[in-house]
């Protein structure tokens, strides 16, 4: 699989550049979740980063991506939404 270096802004990974796997369309995932284990036996703390455009070129198109820390995020509770499902 292909990866792309992404800058992380804010939170515990502030200023780090890490390789992030990209999908078939060449874009990294919209959210990046990092579980940090706790020493006292509690469930791991989940840090969530959201994808944002990195540099914006002359035409207004993003050239690369960065991840910004989202302290209020709860993690992925997303479920599939099918068009034939009841609302």
Protein backbone atom coordinates (compact mmCIF):
# COMPACT_ATOMS: atom_id res chain seq x y z
CA UNK A 1 0.00 0.00 0.00
CA UNK A 2 1.05 3.56 -0.59
CA UNK A 3 1.64 6.04 2.21
CA UNK A 4 1.97 9.81 2.44
CA UNK A 5 3.78 11.88 5.06
CA UNK A 6 1.31 13.99 7.06
CA UNK A 7 1.96 16.74 9.59
CA UNK A 8 0.17 16.50 12.96
CA UNK A 9 -0.87 19.79 14.60
CA UNK A 10 -1.83 20.04 18.30
CA UNK A 11 -2.25 17.35 20.92
CA UNK A 12 0.39 14.80 21.88
CA UNK A 13 1.79 14.47 18.33
CA UNK A 14 2.26 18.21 17.75
CA UNK A 15 4.88 18.92 15.09
CA UNK A 16 5.51 15.30 14.10
CA UNK A 17 5.42 14.09 10.52
CA UNK A 18 4.27 10.48 10.24
CA UNK A 19 3.52 8.24 7.25
CA UNK A 20 -0.23 7.65 6.83
CA UNK A 21 -1.66 4.99 4.52
CA UNK A 22 -3.74 6.37 1.68
CA UNK A 23 -6.78 4.74 0.09
CA UNK A 24 -7.50 3.85 -3.50
CA UNK A 25 -8.31 7.48 -4.32
CA UNK A 26 -4.95 8.69 -2.99
CA UNK A 27 -6.43 10.45 0.04
CA UNK A 28 -5.66 9.62 3.68
CA UNK A 29 -8.54 8.82 6.06
CA UNK A 30 -10.71 11.68 7.38
CA UNK A 31 -9.93 10.83 11.00
CA UNK A 32 -6.82 9.35 12.59
CA UNK A 33 -7.25 7.74 16.01
CA UNK A 34 -4.38 7.06 18.41
CA UNK A 35 -5.08 4.88 21.48
CA UNK A 36 -2.72 5.57 24.41
CA UNK A 37 -2.70 2.82 27.09
CA UNK A 38 -3.21 3.78 30.74
CA UNK A 39 -1.05 2.32 33.52
CA UNK A 40 -3.88 1.81 36.03
CA UNK A 41 -5.89 -0.72 34.00
CA UNK A 42 -8.49 1.69 32.64
CA UNK A 43 -9.37 1.55 28.94
CA UNK A 44 -6.90 3.38 26.68
CA UNK A 45 -7.27 7.12 26.11
CA UNK A 46 -8.25 7.85 22.51
CA UNK A 47 -6.76 10.91 20.77
CA UNK A 48 -8.54 11.88 17.53
CA UNK A 49 -7.11 13.96 14.70
CA UNK A 50 -9.18 15.35 11.79
CA UNK A 51 -7.84 15.76 8.24
CA UNK A 52 -7.40 19.32 6.94
CA UNK A 53 -5.84 20.72 3.75
CA UNK A 54 -2.08 21.19 4.16
CA UNK A 55 -0.87 23.80 1.73
CA UNK A 56 -3.24 25.60 -0.62
CA UNK A 57 -1.82 26.37 -4.04
CA UNK A 58 -2.48 29.25 -6.43
CA UNK A 59 -5.65 27.69 -7.79
CA UNK A 60 -7.09 27.04 -4.32
CA UNK A 61 -6.50 23.29 -4.49
CA UNK A 62 -4.90 21.54 -1.49
CA UNK A 63 -1.42 20.17 -2.01
CA UNK A 64 -1.09 17.54 0.70
CA UNK A 65 -2.87 17.04 3.99
CA UNK A 66 -2.31 17.67 7.68
CA UNK A 67 -4.10 16.39 10.76
CA UNK A 68 -5.45 18.77 13.42
CA UNK A 69 -6.15 17.61 16.98
CA UNK A 70 -9.83 17.40 17.95
CA UNK A 71 -10.07 17.15 21.78
CA UNK A 72 -13.89 16.87 21.87
CA UNK A 73 -14.09 13.92 19.46
CA UNK A 74 -15.30 10.60 20.86
CA UNK A 75 -13.78 8.35 18.19
CA UNK A 76 -15.42 6.42 15.40
CA UNK A 77 -19.04 5.62 16.20
CA UNK A 78 -19.90 5.78 12.54
CA UNK A 79 -22.21 3.17 11.07
CA UNK A 80 -23.00 2.44 7.47
CA UNK A 81 -25.85 4.50 6.03
CA UNK A 82 -27.60 2.70 3.25
CA UNK A 83 -30.08 4.56 1.05
CA UNK A 84 -32.74 1.90 1.57
CA UNK A 85 -32.47 1.97 5.39
CA UNK A 86 -35.21 3.59 7.46
CA UNK A 87 -34.32 6.85 9.16
